[in-house]
PDB file of all heavy atoms in Angstrom:
ATOM      1  N   VAL A   1       0.855  -1.192   0.000  1.00  0.00           N
ATOM      2  CA  VAL A   1       0.000   0.000   0.000  1.00  0.00           C
ATOM      3  C   VAL A   1       0.889   1.240   0.000  1.00  0.00           C
ATOM      4  O   VAL A   1       1.731   1.416   0.886  1.00  0.00           O
ATOM      5  CB  VAL A   1      -0.935   0.003   1.218  1.00  0.00           C
ATOM      6  CG1 VAL A   1      -1.710   1.311   1.274  1.00  0.00           C
ATOM      7  CG2 VAL A   1      -1.885  -1.193   1.176  1.00  0.00           C
ATOM      8  N   VAL A   2       0.702   2.098  -1.006  1.00  0.00           N
ATOM      9  CA  VAL A   2       1.514   3.315  -1.103  1.00  0.00           C
ATOM     10  C   VAL A   2       0.717   4.576  -0.736  1.00  0.00           C
ATOM     11  O   VAL A   2       1.311   5.606  -0.418  1.00  0.00           O
ATOM     12  CB  VAL A   2       2.125   3.472  -2.511  1.00  0.00           C
ATOM     13  CG1 VAL A   2       3.102   2.343  -2.790  1.00  0.00           C
ATOM     14  CG2 VAL A   2       1.054   3.529  -3.591  1.00  0.00           C
ATOM     15  N   ASP A   3      -0.622   4.497  -0.786  1.00  0.00           N
ATOM     16  CA  ASP A   3      -1.413   5.654  -0.387  1.00  0.00           C
ATOM     17  C   ASP A   3      -2.820   5.193  -0.035  1.00  0.00           C
ATOM     18  O   ASP A   3      -3.350   4.219  -0.600  1.00  0.00           O
ATOM     19  CB  ASP A   3      -1.479   6.704  -1.509  1.00  0.00           C
ATOM     20  CG  ASP A   3      -1.934   8.067  -0.998  1.00  0.00           C
ATOM     21  OD1 ASP A   3      -1.902   8.283   0.232  1.00  0.00           O
ATOM     22  OD2 ASP A   3      -2.328   8.905  -1.823  1.00  0.00           O
ATOM     23  N   ILE A   4      -3.430   5.909   0.913  1.00  0.00           N
ATOM     24  CA  ILE A   4      -4.814   5.673   1.324  1.00  0.00           C
ATOM     25  C   ILE A   4      -5.511   7.018   1.427  1.00  0.00           C
ATOM     26  O   ILE A   4      -4.941   7.979   1.947  1.00  0.00           O
ATOM     27  CB  ILE A   4      -4.893   4.954   2.682  1.00  0.00           C
ATOM     28  CG1 ILE A   4      -4.156   3.612   2.650  1.00  0.00           C
ATOM     29  CG2 ILE A   4      -6.347   4.748   3.105  1.00  0.00           C
ATOM     30  CD1 ILE A   4      -4.131   2.919   4.000  1.00  0.00           C
ATOM     31  N   TYR A   5      -6.739   7.075   0.906  1.00  0.00           N
ATOM     32  CA  TYR A   5      -7.526   8.295   1.070  1.00  0.00           C
ATOM     33  C   TYR A   5      -8.937   7.900   1.480  1.00  0.00           C
ATOM     34  O   TYR A   5      -9.517   6.957   0.923  1.00  0.00           O
ATOM     35  CB  TYR A   5      -7.574   9.115  -0.220  1.00  0.00           C
ATOM     36  CG  TYR A   5      -8.085  10.527   0.012  1.00  0.00           C
ATOM     37  CD1 TYR A   5      -7.213  11.552   0.344  1.00  0.00           C
ATOM     38  CD2 TYR A   5      -9.443  10.815  -0.052  1.00  0.00           C
ATOM     39  CE1 TYR A   5      -7.664  12.838   0.592  1.00  0.00           C
ATOM     40  CE2 TYR A   5      -9.912  12.104   0.195  1.00  0.00           C
ATOM     41  CZ  TYR A   5      -9.016  13.102   0.519  1.00  0.00           C
ATOM     42  OH  TYR A   5      -9.466  14.374   0.773  1.00  0.00           O
ATOM     43  N   ALA A   6      -9.496   8.610   2.459  1.00  0.00           N
ATOM     44  CA  ALA A   6     -10.848   8.321   2.934  1.00  0.00           C
ATOM     45  C   ALA A   6     -11.674   9.594   2.938  1.00  0.00           C
ATOM     46  O   ALA A   6     -11.160  10.684   3.210  1.00  0.00           O
ATOM     47  CB  ALA A   6     -10.800   7.720   4.337  1.00  0.00           C
ATOM     48  N   LEU A   7     -12.951   9.450   2.615  1.00  0.00           N
ATOM     49  CA  LEU A   7     -13.867  10.585   2.706  1.00  0.00           C
ATOM     50  C   LEU A   7     -15.260  10.079   3.015  1.00  0.00           C
ATOM     51  O   LEU A   7     -15.604   8.922   2.724  1.00  0.00           O
ATOM     52  CB  LEU A   7     -13.873  11.425   1.424  1.00  0.00           C
ATOM     53  CG  LEU A   7     -14.546  10.863   0.174  1.00  0.00           C
ATOM     54  CD1 LEU A   7     -14.917  12.015  -0.757  1.00  0.00           C
ATOM     55  CD2 LEU A   7     -13.636   9.902  -0.564  1.00  0.00           C
ATOM     56  N   ASP A   8     -16.066  10.957   3.622  1.00  0.00           N
ATOM     57  CA  ASP A   8     -17.450  10.621   3.945  1.00  0.00           C
ATOM     58  C   ASP A   8     -18.335  11.016   2.770  1.00  0.00           C
ATOM     59  O   ASP A   8     -18.224  12.139   2.248  1.00  0.00           O
ATOM     60  CB  ASP A   8     -17.902  11.356   5.203  1.00  0.00           C
ATOM     61  CG  ASP A   8     -17.175  10.871   6.439  1.00  0.00           C
ATOM     62  OD1 ASP A   8     -16.782   9.693   6.456  1.00  0.00           O
ATOM     63  OD2 ASP A   8     -16.989  11.675   7.372  1.00  0.00           O
ATOM     64  N   ILE A   9     -19.214  10.122   2.368  1.00  0.00           N
ATOM     65  CA  ILE A   9     -20.111  10.395   1.247  1.00  0.00           C
ATOM     66  C   ILE A   9     -21.548  10.122   1.673  1.00  0.00           C
ATOM     67  O   ILE A   9     -21.811   9.342   2.584  1.00  0.00           O
ATOM     68  CB  ILE A   9     -19.759   9.549   0.008  1.00  0.00           C
ATOM     69  CG1 ILE A   9     -20.023   8.064   0.264  1.00  0.00           C
ATOM     70  CG2 ILE A   9     -18.309   9.769  -0.409  1.00  0.00           C
ATOM     71  CD1 ILE A   9     -20.032   7.219  -0.980  1.00  0.00           C
ATOM     72  N   GLY A  10     -22.473  10.775   0.992  1.00  0.00           N
ATOM     73  CA  GLY A  10     -23.887  10.500   1.184  1.00  0.00           C
ATOM     74  C   GLY A  10     -24.457   9.927  -0.101  1.00  0.00           C
ATOM     75  O   GLY A  10     -24.136  10.398  -1.192  1.00  0.00           O
ATOM     76  N   ILE A  11     -25.291   8.921   0.023  1.00  0.00           N
ATOM     77  CA  ILE A  11     -25.963   8.343  -1.143  1.00  0.00           C
ATOM     78  C   ILE A  11     -27.292   9.066  -1.315  1.00  0.00           C
ATOM     79  O   ILE A  11     -28.178   8.980  -0.448  1.00  0.00           O
ATOM     80  CB  ILE A  11     -26.167   6.829  -0.966  1.00  0.00           C
ATOM     81  CG1 ILE A  11     -24.813   6.133  -0.848  1.00  0.00           C
ATOM     82  CG2 ILE A  11     -26.970   6.250  -2.134  1.00  0.00           C
ATOM     83  CD1 ILE A  11     -24.903   4.634  -0.563  1.00  0.00           C
ATOM     84  N   ARG A  12     -27.401   9.809  -2.389  1.00  0.00           N
ATOM     85  CA  ARG A  12     -28.627  10.566  -2.646  1.00  0.00           C
ATOM     86  C   ARG A  12     -28.661  11.012  -4.098  1.00  0.00           C
ATOM     87  O   ARG A  12     -27.640  11.030  -4.787  1.00  0.00           O
ATOM     88  CB  ARG A  12     -28.745  11.755  -1.696  1.00  0.00           C
ATOM     89  CG  ARG A  12     -27.643  12.805  -1.857  1.00  0.00           C
ATOM     90  CD  ARG A  12     -28.171  13.983  -2.626  1.00  0.00           C
ATOM     91  NE  ARG A  12     -27.162  15.013  -2.835  1.00  0.00           N
ATOM     92  CZ  ARG A  12     -26.425  15.093  -3.930  1.00  0.00           C
ATOM     93  NH1 ARG A  12     -26.535  14.182  -4.880  1.00  0.00           N
ATOM     94  NH2 ARG A  12     -25.553  16.077  -4.087  1.00  0.00           N
ATOM     95  N   THR A  13     -29.833  11.386  -4.574  1.00  0.00           N
ATOM     96  CA  THR A  13     -29.985  11.935  -5.920  1.00  0.00           C
ATOM     97  C   THR A  13     -30.721  13.258  -5.842  1.00  0.00           C
ATOM     98  O   THR A  13     -31.528  13.492  -4.933  1.00  0.00           O
ATOM     99  CB  THR A  13     -30.763  10.982  -6.846  1.00  0.00           C
ATOM    100  OG1 THR A  13     -32.077  10.758  -6.305  1.00  0.00           O
ATOM    101  CG2 THR A  13     -30.044   9.650  -7.004  1.00  0.00           C
ATOM    102  N   VAL A  14     -30.426  14.132  -6.789  1.00  0.00           N
ATOM    103  CA  VAL A  14     -31.123  15.415  -6.936  1.00  0.00           C
ATOM    104  C   VAL A  14     -31.564  15.527  -8.383  1.00  0.00           C
ATOM    105  O   VAL A  14     -30.779  15.240  -9.301  1.00  0.00           O
ATOM    106  CB  VAL A  14     -30.213  16.608  -6.575  1.00  0.00           C
ATOM    107  CG1 VAL A  14     -30.977  17.924  -6.731  1.00  0.00           C
ATOM    108  CG2 VAL A  14     -29.682  16.475  -5.161  1.00  0.00           C
ATOM    109  N   ALA A  15     -32.795  15.944  -8.594  1.00  0.00           N
ATOM    110  CA  ALA A  15     -33.306  16.069  -9.959  1.00  0.00           C
ATOM    111  C   ALA A  15     -34.395  17.131  -9.992  1.00  0.00           C
ATOM    112  O   ALA A  15     -34.937  17.529  -8.950  1.00  0.00           O
ATOM    113  CB  ALA A  15     -33.852  14.739 -10.466  1.00  0.00           C
ATOM    114  N   VAL A  16     -34.701  17.601 -11.192  1.00  0.00           N
ATOM    115  CA  VAL A  16     -35.812  18.520 -11.425  1.00  0.00           C
ATOM    116  C   VAL A  16     -36.810  17.817 -12.330  1.00  0.00           C
ATOM    117  O   VAL A  16     -36.445  17.283 -13.385  1.00  0.00           O
ATOM    118  CB  VAL A  16     -35.333  19.827 -12.067  1.00  0.00           C
ATOM    119  CG1 VAL A  16     -36.527  20.684 -12.494  1.00  0.00           C
ATOM    120  CG2 VAL A  16     -34.453  20.606 -11.101  1.00  0.00           C
ATOM    121  N   ARG A  17     -38.063  17.798 -11.910  1.00  0.00           N
ATOM    122  CA  ARG A  17     -39.133  17.229 -12.727  1.00  0.00           C
ATOM    123  C   ARG A  17     -40.299  18.199 -12.734  1.00  0.00           C
ATOM    124  O   ARG A  17     -40.884  18.488 -11.692  1.00  0.00           O
ATOM    125  CB  ARG A  17     -39.586  15.877 -12.172  1.00  0.00           C
ATOM    126  CG  ARG A  17     -40.669  15.186 -13.035  1.00  0.00           C
ATOM    127  CD  ARG A  17     -41.040  13.844 -12.448  1.00  0.00           C
ATOM    128  NE  ARG A  17     -41.668  14.027 -11.133  1.00  0.00           N
ATOM    129  CZ  ARG A  17     -41.796  13.045 -10.232  1.00  0.00           C
ATOM    130  NH1 ARG A  17     -41.312  11.846 -10.500  1.00  0.00           N
ATOM    131  NH2 ARG A  17     -42.383  13.288  -9.076  1.00  0.00           N
ATOM    132  N   GLY A  18     -40.584  18.759 -13.920  1.00  0.00           N
ATOM    133  CA  GLY A  18     -41.636  19.760 -13.996  1.00  0.00           C
ATOM    134  C   GLY A  18     -41.292  20.959 -13.146  1.00  0.00           C
ATOM    135  O   GLY A  18     -40.221  21.561 -13.306  1.00  0.00           O
ATOM    136  N   ASP A  19     -42.183  21.298 -12.226  1.00  0.00           N
ATOM    137  CA  ASP A  19     -41.910  22.445 -11.347  1.00  0.00           C
ATOM    138  C   ASP A  19     -41.557  22.002  -9.928  1.00  0.00           C
ATOM    139  O   ASP A  19     -41.799  22.708  -8.959  1.00  0.00           O
ATOM    140  CB  ASP A  19     -43.101  23.416 -11.327  1.00  0.00           C
ATOM    141  CG  ASP A  19     -44.423  22.737 -10.980  1.00  0.00           C
ATOM    142  OD1 ASP A  19     -44.387  21.647 -10.369  1.00  0.00           O
ATOM    143  OD2 ASP A  19     -45.481  23.288 -11.318  1.00  0.00           O
ATOM    144  N   GLN A  20     -40.943  20.818  -9.821  1.00  0.00           N
ATOM    145  CA  GLN A  20     -40.527  20.312  -8.518  1.00  0.00           C
ATOM    146  C   GLN A  20     -39.042  19.983  -8.502  1.00  0.00           C
ATOM    147  O   GLN A  20     -38.472  19.562  -9.516  1.00  0.00           O
ATOM    148  CB  GLN A  20     -41.314  19.044  -8.150  1.00  0.00           C
ATOM    149  CG  GLN A  20     -42.801  19.261  -7.945  1.00  0.00           C
ATOM    150  CD  GLN A  20     -43.511  17.964  -7.600  1.00  0.00           C
ATOM    151  OE1 GLN A  20     -43.197  16.909  -8.151  1.00  0.00           O
ATOM    152  NE2 GLN A  20     -44.466  18.045  -6.684  1.00  0.00           N
ATOM    153  N   ILE A  21     -38.414  20.193  -7.338  1.00  0.00           N
ATOM    154  CA  ILE A  21     -37.073  19.682  -7.078  1.00  0.00           C
ATOM    155  C   ILE A  21     -37.230  18.386  -6.299  1.00  0.00           C
ATOM    156  O   ILE A  21     -37.966  18.332  -5.300  1.00  0.00           O
ATOM    157  CB  ILE A  21     -36.239  20.692  -6.274  1.00  0.00           C
ATOM    158  CG1 ILE A  21     -36.075  21.994  -7.066  1.00  0.00           C
ATOM    159  CG2 ILE A  21     -34.871  20.116  -5.939  1.00  0.00           C
ATOM    160  CD1 ILE A  21     -35.389  23.095  -6.276  1.00  0.00           C
ATOM    161  N   LEU A  22     -36.559  17.332  -6.767  1.00  0.00           N
ATOM    162  CA  LEU A  22     -36.682  16.022  -6.144  1.00  0.00           C
ATOM    163  C   LEU A  22     -35.378  15.649  -5.450  1.00  0.00           C
ATOM    164  O   LEU A  22     -34.304  15.721  -6.042  1.00  0.00           O
ATOM    165  CB  LEU A  22     -37.010  14.958  -7.189  1.00  0.00           C
ATOM    166  CG  LEU A  22     -38.233  15.201  -8.082  1.00  0.00           C
ATOM    167  CD1 LEU A  22     -38.411  14.041  -9.051  1.00  0.00           C
ATOM    168  CD2 LEU A  22     -39.498  15.388  -7.242  1.00  0.00           C
ATOM    169  N   LEU A  23     -35.487  15.264  -4.191  1.00  0.00           N
ATOM    170  CA  LEU A  23     -34.369  14.691  -3.447  1.00  0.00           C
ATOM    171  C   LEU A  23     -34.704  13.228  -3.199  1.00  0.00           C
ATOM    172  O   LEU A  23     -35.731  12.919  -2.583  1.00  0.00           O
ATOM    173  CB  LEU A  23     -34.162  15.431  -2.120  1.00  0.00           C
ATOM    174  CG  LEU A  23     -33.009  14.930  -1.254  1.00  0.00           C
ATOM    175  CD1 LEU A  23     -31.667  15.222  -1.910  1.00  0.00           C
ATOM    176  CD2 LEU A  23     -33.065  15.533   0.144  1.00  0.00           C
ATOM    177  N   ASN A  24     -33.877  12.336  -3.730  1.00  0.00           N
ATOM    178  CA  ASN A  24     -34.137  10.900  -3.637  1.00  0.00           C
ATOM    179  C   ASN A  24     -35.507  10.538  -4.219  1.00  0.00           C
ATOM    180  O   ASN A  24     -36.219   9.661  -3.716  1.00  0.00           O
ATOM    181  CB  ASN A  24     -34.029  10.413  -2.190  1.00  0.00           C
ATOM    182  CG  ASN A  24     -32.672  10.689  -1.590  1.00  0.00           C
ATOM    183  OD1 ASN A  24     -31.657  10.673  -2.288  1.00  0.00           O
ATOM    184  ND2 ASN A  24     -32.632  10.970  -0.293  1.00  0.00           N
ATOM    185  N   GLY A  25     -35.866  11.252  -5.282  1.00  0.00           N
ATOM    186  CA  GLY A  25     -37.114  10.974  -5.984  1.00  0.00           C
ATOM    187  C   GLY A  25     -38.345  11.599  -5.374  1.00  0.00           C
ATOM    188  O   GLY A  25     -39.447  11.467  -5.931  1.00  0.00           O
ATOM    189  N   GLN A  26     -38.222  12.313  -4.259  1.00  0.00           N
ATOM    190  CA  GLN A  26     -39.361  12.905  -3.571  1.00  0.00           C
ATOM    191  C   GLN A  26     -39.275  14.429  -3.607  1.00  0.00           C
ATOM    192  O   GLN A  26     -38.189  14.995  -3.445  1.00  0.00           O
ATOM    193  CB  GLN A  26     -39.418  12.436  -2.118  1.00  0.00           C
ATOM    194  CG  GLN A  26     -39.555  10.925  -1.961  1.00  0.00           C
ATOM    195  CD  GLN A  26     -40.818  10.393  -2.602  1.00  0.00           C
ATOM    196  OE1 GLN A  26     -41.907  10.957  -2.420  1.00  0.00           O
ATOM    197  NE2 GLN A  26     -40.685   9.306  -3.365  1.00  0.00           N
ATOM    198  N   PRO A  27     -40.423  15.116  -3.803  1.00  0.00           N
ATOM    199  CA  PRO A  27     -40.393  16.590  -3.838  1.00  0.00           C
ATOM    200  C   PRO A  27     -39.905  17.157  -2.510  1.00  0.00           C
ATOM    201  O   PRO A  27     -40.211  16.637  -1.437  1.00  0.00           O
ATOM    202  CB  PRO A  27     -41.857  16.971  -4.090  1.00  0.00           C
ATOM    203  CG  PRO A  27     -42.490  15.746  -4.656  1.00  0.00           C
ATOM    204  CD  PRO A  27     -41.776  14.579  -4.039  1.00  0.00           C
ATOM    205  N   ILE A  28     -39.128  18.233  -2.623  1.00  0.00           N
ATOM    206  CA  ILE A  28     -38.638  18.907  -1.426  1.00  0.00           C
ATOM    207  C   ILE A  28     -38.765  20.407  -1.621  1.00  0.00           C
ATOM    208  O   ILE A  28     -38.611  20.919  -2.733  1.00  0.00           O
ATOM    209  CB  ILE A  28     -37.172  18.519  -1.122  1.00  0.00           C
ATOM    210  CG1 ILE A  28     -36.762  19.057   0.254  1.00  0.00           C
ATOM    211  CG2 ILE A  28     -36.224  18.998  -2.206  1.00  0.00           C
ATOM    212  CD1 ILE A  28     -35.480  18.446   0.789  1.00  0.00           C
ATOM    213  N   LYS A  29     -39.085  21.109  -0.545  1.00  0.00           N
ATOM    214  CA  LYS A  29     -39.162  22.562  -0.566  1.00  0.00           C
ATOM    215  C   LYS A  29     -38.099  23.117   0.383  1.00  0.00           C
ATOM    216  O   LYS A  29     -37.959  22.640   1.520  1.00  0.00           O
ATOM    217  CB  LYS A  29     -40.554  23.058  -0.167  1.00  0.00           C
ATOM    218  CG  LYS A  29     -41.636  22.713  -1.204  1.00  0.00           C
ATOM    219  CD  LYS A  29     -42.944  23.344  -0.864  1.00  0.00           C
ATOM    220  CE  LYS A  29     -44.029  22.967  -1.878  1.00  0.00           C
ATOM    221  NZ  LYS A  29     -43.798  23.580  -3.197  1.00  0.00           N
ATOM    222  N   LEU A  30     -37.365  24.110  -0.091  1.00  0.00           N
ATOM    223  CA  LEU A  30     -36.282  24.679   0.689  1.00  0.00           C
ATOM    224  C   LEU A  30     -36.808  25.775   1.605  1.00  0.00           C
ATOM    225  O   LEU A  30     -37.524  26.685   1.166  1.00  0.00           O
ATOM    226  CB  LEU A  30     -35.201  25.256  -0.229  1.00  0.00           C
ATOM    227  CG  LEU A  30     -34.612  24.318  -1.285  1.00  0.00           C
ATOM    228  CD1 LEU A  30     -33.434  24.985  -1.984  1.00  0.00           C
ATOM    229  CD2 LEU A  30     -34.187  22.990  -0.688  1.00  0.00           C
ATOM    230  N   THR A  31     -36.447  25.696   2.864  1.00  0.00           N
ATOM    231  CA  THR A  31     -36.704  26.774   3.820  1.00  0.00           C
ATOM    232  C   THR A  31     -35.355  27.198   4.393  1.00  0.00           C
ATOM    233  O   THR A  31     -34.560  26.348   4.793  1.00  0.00           O
ATOM    234  CB  THR A  31     -37.618  26.302   4.960  1.00  0.00           C
ATOM    235  OG1 THR A  31     -37.010  25.191   5.632  1.00  0.00           O
ATOM    236  CG2 THR A  31     -38.979  25.879   4.431  1.00  0.00           C
ATOM    237  N   GLY A  32     -35.095  28.489   4.380  1.00  0.00           N
ATOM    238  CA  GLY A  32     -33.798  28.912   4.903  1.00  0.00           C
ATOM    239  C   GLY A  32     -33.464  30.335   4.563  1.00  0.00           C
ATOM    240  O   GLY A  32     -34.340  31.206   4.536  1.00  0.00           O
ATOM    241  N   PHE A  33     -32.179  30.551   4.230  1.00  0.00           N
ATOM    242  CA  PHE A  33     -31.658  31.907   4.199  1.00  0.00           C
ATOM    243  C   PHE A  33     -30.590  32.088   3.127  1.00  0.00           C
ATOM    244  O   PHE A  33     -29.948  31.130   2.691  1.00  0.00           O
ATOM    245  CB  PHE A  33     -31.010  32.255   5.547  1.00  0.00           C
ATOM    246  CG  PHE A  33     -31.939  32.198   6.712  1.00  0.00           C
ATOM    247  CD1 PHE A  33     -32.087  31.034   7.439  1.00  0.00           C
ATOM    248  CD2 PHE A  33     -32.688  33.310   7.061  1.00  0.00           C
ATOM    249  CE1 PHE A  33     -32.941  30.972   8.517  1.00  0.00           C
ATOM    250  CE2 PHE A  33     -33.558  33.263   8.140  1.00  0.00           C
ATOM    251  CZ  PHE A  33     -33.695  32.086   8.872  1.00  0.00           C
ATOM    252  N   GLY A  34     -30.361  33.326   2.769  1.00  0.00           N
ATOM    253  CA  GLY A  34     -29.083  33.769   2.273  1.00  0.00           C
ATOM    254  C   GLY A  34     -28.249  34.198   3.468  1.00  0.00           C
ATOM    255  O   GLY A  34     -28.774  34.686   4.472  1.00  0.00           O
ATOM    256  N   LYS A  35     -26.923  33.996   3.360  1.00  0.00           N
ATOM    257  CA  LYS A  35     -26.043  34.280   4.498  1.00  0.00           C
ATOM    258  C   LYS A  35     -24.851  35.102   4.037  1.00  0.00           C
ATOM    259  O   LYS A  35     -24.658  35.324   2.853  1.00  0.00           O
ATOM    260  CB  LYS A  35     -25.502  32.981   5.116  1.00  0.00           C
ATOM    261  CG  LYS A  35     -26.521  32.153   5.884  1.00  0.00           C
ATOM    262  CD  LYS A  35     -25.857  30.898   6.457  1.00  0.00           C
ATOM    263  CE  LYS A  35     -25.343  31.113   7.864  1.00  0.00           C
ATOM    264  NZ  LYS A  35     -24.163  31.937   8.016  1.00  0.00           N
ATOM    265  N   HIS A  36     -24.052  35.493   4.994  1.00  0.00           N
ATOM    266  CA  HIS A  36     -22.716  36.018   4.719  1.00  0.00           C
ATOM    267  C   HIS A  36     -21.746  35.443   5.731  1.00  0.00           C
ATOM    268  O   HIS A  36     -22.112  35.128   6.869  1.00  0.00           O
ATOM    269  CB  HIS A  36     -22.676  37.547   4.784  1.00  0.00           C
ATOM    270  CG  HIS A  36     -22.914  38.206   3.471  1.00  0.00           C
ATOM    271  ND1 HIS A  36     -22.070  38.047   2.394  1.00  0.00           N
ATOM    272  CD2 HIS A  36     -23.920  39.011   3.038  1.00  0.00           C
ATOM    273  CE1 HIS A  36     -22.532  38.734   1.365  1.00  0.00           C
ATOM    274  NE2 HIS A  36     -23.653  39.315   1.727  1.00  0.00           N
ATOM    275  N   GLU A  37     -20.510  35.293   5.277  1.00  0.00           N
ATOM    276  CA  GLU A  37     -19.420  34.907   6.167  1.00  0.00           C
ATOM    277  C   GLU A  37     -18.859  36.209   6.723  1.00  0.00           C
ATOM    278  O   GLU A  37     -18.018  36.855   6.113  1.00  0.00           O
ATOM    279  CB  GLU A  37     -18.372  34.124   5.370  1.00  0.00           C
ATOM    280  CG  GLU A  37     -17.454  33.291   6.223  1.00  0.00           C
ATOM    281  CD  GLU A  37     -16.472  32.495   5.383  1.00  0.00           C
ATOM    282  OE1 GLU A  37     -16.526  32.577   4.141  1.00  0.00           O
ATOM    283  OE2 GLU A  37     -15.642  31.805   5.983  1.00  0.00           O
ATOM    284  N   ASP A  38     -19.352  36.604   7.898  1.00  0.00           N
ATOM    285  CA  ASP A  38     -19.097  37.954   8.394  1.00  0.00           C
ATOM    286  C   ASP A  38     -19.248  37.945   9.912  1.00  0.00           C
ATOM    287  O   ASP A  38     -20.278  37.518  10.440  1.00  0.00           O
ATOM    288  CB  ASP A  38     -20.121  38.920   7.761  1.00  0.00           C
ATOM    289  CG  ASP A  38     -20.130  40.283   8.413  1.00  0.00           C
ATOM    290  OD1 ASP A  38     -20.806  40.446   9.449  1.00  0.00           O
ATOM    291  OD2 ASP A  38     -19.486  41.194   7.872  1.00  0.00           O
ATOM    292  N   PHE A  39     -18.195  38.406  10.595  1.00  0.00           N
ATOM    293  CA  PHE A  39     -18.306  38.532  12.038  1.00  0.00           C
ATOM    294  C   PHE A  39     -17.286  39.558  12.508  1.00  0.00           C
ATOM    295  O   PHE A  39     -16.263  39.785  11.858  1.00  0.00           O
ATOM    296  CB  PHE A  39     -18.060  37.188  12.735  1.00  0.00           C
ATOM    297  CG  PHE A  39     -18.715  37.097  14.086  1.00  0.00           C
ATOM    298  CD1 PHE A  39     -20.089  37.004  14.201  1.00  0.00           C
ATOM    299  CD2 PHE A  39     -17.966  37.116  15.249  1.00  0.00           C
ATOM    300  CE1 PHE A  39     -20.704  36.918  15.449  1.00  0.00           C
ATOM    301  CE2 PHE A  39     -18.551  37.041  16.497  1.00  0.00           C
ATOM    302  CZ  PHE A  39     -19.938  36.937  16.597  1.00  0.00           C
ATOM    303  N   ALA A  40     -17.573  40.174  13.662  1.00  0.00           N
ATOM    304  CA  ALA A  40     -16.692  41.203  14.202  1.00  0.00           C
ATOM    305  C   ALA A  40     -15.289  40.654  14.430  1.00  0.00           C
ATOM    306  O   ALA A  40     -15.110  39.515  14.856  1.00  0.00           O
ATOM    307  CB  ALA A  40     -17.263  41.740  15.508  1.00  0.00           C
ATOM    308  N   LEU A  41     -14.286  41.452  14.117  1.00  0.00           N
ATOM    309  CA  LEU A  41     -12.859  41.191  14.278  1.00  0.00           C
ATOM    310  C   LEU A  41     -12.328  40.186  13.266  1.00  0.00           C
ATOM    311  O   LEU A  41     -11.332  40.457  12.598  1.00  0.00           O
ATOM    312  CB  LEU A  41     -12.529  40.725  15.703  1.00  0.00           C
ATOM    313  CG  LEU A  41     -12.800  41.738  16.811  1.00  0.00           C
ATOM    314  CD1 LEU A  41     -12.353  41.184  18.157  1.00  0.00           C
ATOM    315  CD2 LEU A  41     -12.114  43.059  16.534  1.00  0.00           C
ATOM    316  N   SER A  42     -12.948  39.030  13.113  1.00  0.00           N
ATOM    317  CA  SER A  42     -12.427  38.061  12.148  1.00  0.00           C
ATOM    318  C   SER A  42     -12.848  38.381  10.723  1.00  0.00           C
ATOM    319  O   SER A  42     -12.273  37.849   9.774  1.00  0.00           O
ATOM    320  CB  SER A  42     -12.874  36.642  12.513  1.00  0.00           C
ATOM    321  OG  SER A  42     -14.284  36.556  12.572  1.00  0.00           O
ATOM    322  N   GLY A  43     -13.860  39.260  10.545  1.00  0.00           N
ATOM    323  CA  GLY A  43     -14.288  39.639   9.201  1.00  0.00           C
ATOM    324  C   GLY A  43     -14.813  38.443   8.441  1.00  0.00           C
ATOM    325  O   GLY A  43     -15.759  37.777   8.871  1.00  0.00           O
TER     326      GLY A  43
END
């Protein structure tokens, strides 16, 4: 063995069908925000 690499993965699919976004084949609606990477002193 000369090299090893490991990473965490998720098994899932994303698709668009008509006017729906599908996650794992099921419609999903997003609730949330726009954000900024912004804080006092650290900028």
